[in-house]
Amino acid sequence: MTKLSIDDKEYDSEDLTKEQTEIVNLLNLGQNSLSLLNHMVRCTQSVQQMKTEELKTSLEGRPTISDVTKKQADDIKKSLDADTNAK
């Protein structure tokens, strides 16, 4: 027995008509869709903020995280190549 609450009034889902149950199902689908869309908006906003900071950093002539990571990867590769050639 599931209860649903609308404007602080509780209703027993077992007493709903087929049409009322369909409305409840549609409301649940809408709520799930809104949750997913809100999550997508938050993710998009985060990426926008990160990329804005990345562009600002790049325009100011400072190294970006990807620059540092690429340099570290190149340094590691050179070190591994040197170790391989030394053997």
Protein backbone atom coordinates (compact mmCIF):
# COMPACT_ATOMS: atom_id res chain seq x y z
CA MET A 1 0.00 0.00 0.00
CA THR A 2 1.72 3.15 -1.23
CA LYS A 3 0.69 6.58 -0.09
CA LEU A 4 1.05 9.68 -2.17
CA SER A 5 0.88 13.19 -0.83
CA ILE A 6 -0.47 16.26 -2.61
CA ASP A 7 -0.69 19.59 -0.76
CA ASP A 8 -0.17 17.86 2.60
CA LYS A 9 -3.07 15.48 1.97
CA GLU A 10 -2.35 11.75 1.70
CA TYR A 11 -3.99 9.37 -0.73
CA ASP A 12 -3.78 5.58 -0.89
CA SER A 13 -2.54 4.45 -4.29
CA GLU A 14 -4.68 1.33 -4.09
CA ASP A 15 -7.79 3.53 -4.24
CA LEU A 16 -6.76 5.27 -7.48
CA THR A 17 -8.63 4.69 -10.72
CA LYS A 18 -6.75 3.53 -13.81
CA GLU A 19 -6.77 7.08 -15.16
CA GLN A 20 -5.42 8.47 -11.86
CA THR A 21 -2.69 5.81 -11.81
CA GLU A 22 -1.69 6.82 -15.34
CA ILE A 23 -1.45 10.45 -14.22
CA VAL A 24 0.74 9.44 -11.27
CA ASN A 25 2.96 7.42 -13.61
CA LEU A 26 3.28 10.41 -15.95
CA LEU A 27 4.14 12.67 -13.01
CA ASN A 28 6.83 10.19 -11.91
CA LEU A 29 8.25 10.09 -15.44
CA GLY A 30 8.29 13.88 -15.54
CA GLN A 31 10.10 14.06 -12.20
CA ASN A 32 12.69 11.51 -13.35
CA SER A 33 13.19 13.45 -16.57
CA LEU A 34 13.67 16.70 -14.67
CA SER A 35 16.25 15.06 -12.41
CA LEU A 36 18.19 13.80 -15.43
CA LEU A 37 18.00 17.16 -17.20
CA ASN A 38 19.15 19.00 -14.06
CA HIS A 39 22.10 16.62 -13.81
CA MET A 40 22.97 17.30 -17.45
CA VAL A 41 22.77 21.06 -16.86
CA ARG A 42 25.08 20.83 -13.84
CA CYS A 43 27.59 18.74 -15.80
CA THR A 44 27.51 21.16 -18.73
CA GLN A 45 27.97 24.14 -16.40
CA SER A 46 30.99 22.44 -14.80
CA VAL A 47 32.62 21.80 -18.17
CA GLN A 48 31.90 25.38 -19.25
CA GLN A 49 33.51 26.71 -16.08
CA MET A 50 36.56 24.45 -16.45
CA LYS A 51 37.08 25.35 -20.10
CA THR A 52 36.65 29.06 -19.36
CA GLU A 53 39.38 28.81 -16.72
CA GLU A 54 41.55 26.79 -19.11
CA LEU A 55 41.17 29.43 -21.83
CA LYS A 56 41.88 32.25 -19.36
CA THR A 57 45.02 30.46 -18.18
CA SER A 58 46.17 29.90 -21.75
CA LEU A 59 45.50 33.51 -22.76
CA GLU A 60 47.55 34.70 -19.78
CA GLY A 61 50.48 32.60 -21.01
CA ARG A 62 50.48 30.23 -18.05
CA PRO A 63 50.78 26.48 -18.68
CA THR A 64 47.51 24.57 -18.61
CA ILE A 65 47.00 21.22 -16.93
CA SER A 66 47.13 19.51 -20.33
CA ASP A 67 50.46 21.24 -21.07
CA VAL A 68 51.93 20.04 -17.78
CA THR A 69 50.52 16.54 -18.25
CA LYS A 70 51.91 16.33 -21.80
CA LYS A 71 55.34 17.51 -20.60
CA GLN A 72 55.29 14.92 -17.79
CA ALA A 73 54.30 12.20 -20.26
CA ASP A 74 57.10 13.25 -22.62
CA ASP A 75 59.60 13.24 -19.73
CA ILE A 76 58.49 9.75 -18.67
CA LYS A 77 58.75 8.49 -22.25
CA LYS A 78 62.27 9.94 -22.59
CA SER A 79 63.25 8.33 -19.31
CA LEU A 80 61.89 4.95 -20.39
CA ASP A 81 63.58 5.25 -23.79
CA ALA A 82 66.87 6.09 -22.08
CA ASP A 83 66.53 3.08 -19.76
CA THR A 84 65.75 0.80 -22.71
CA ASN A 85 68.69 2.09 -24.74
CA ALA A 86 71.05 1.75 -21.77
CA LYS A 87 70.32 -1.99 -21.46
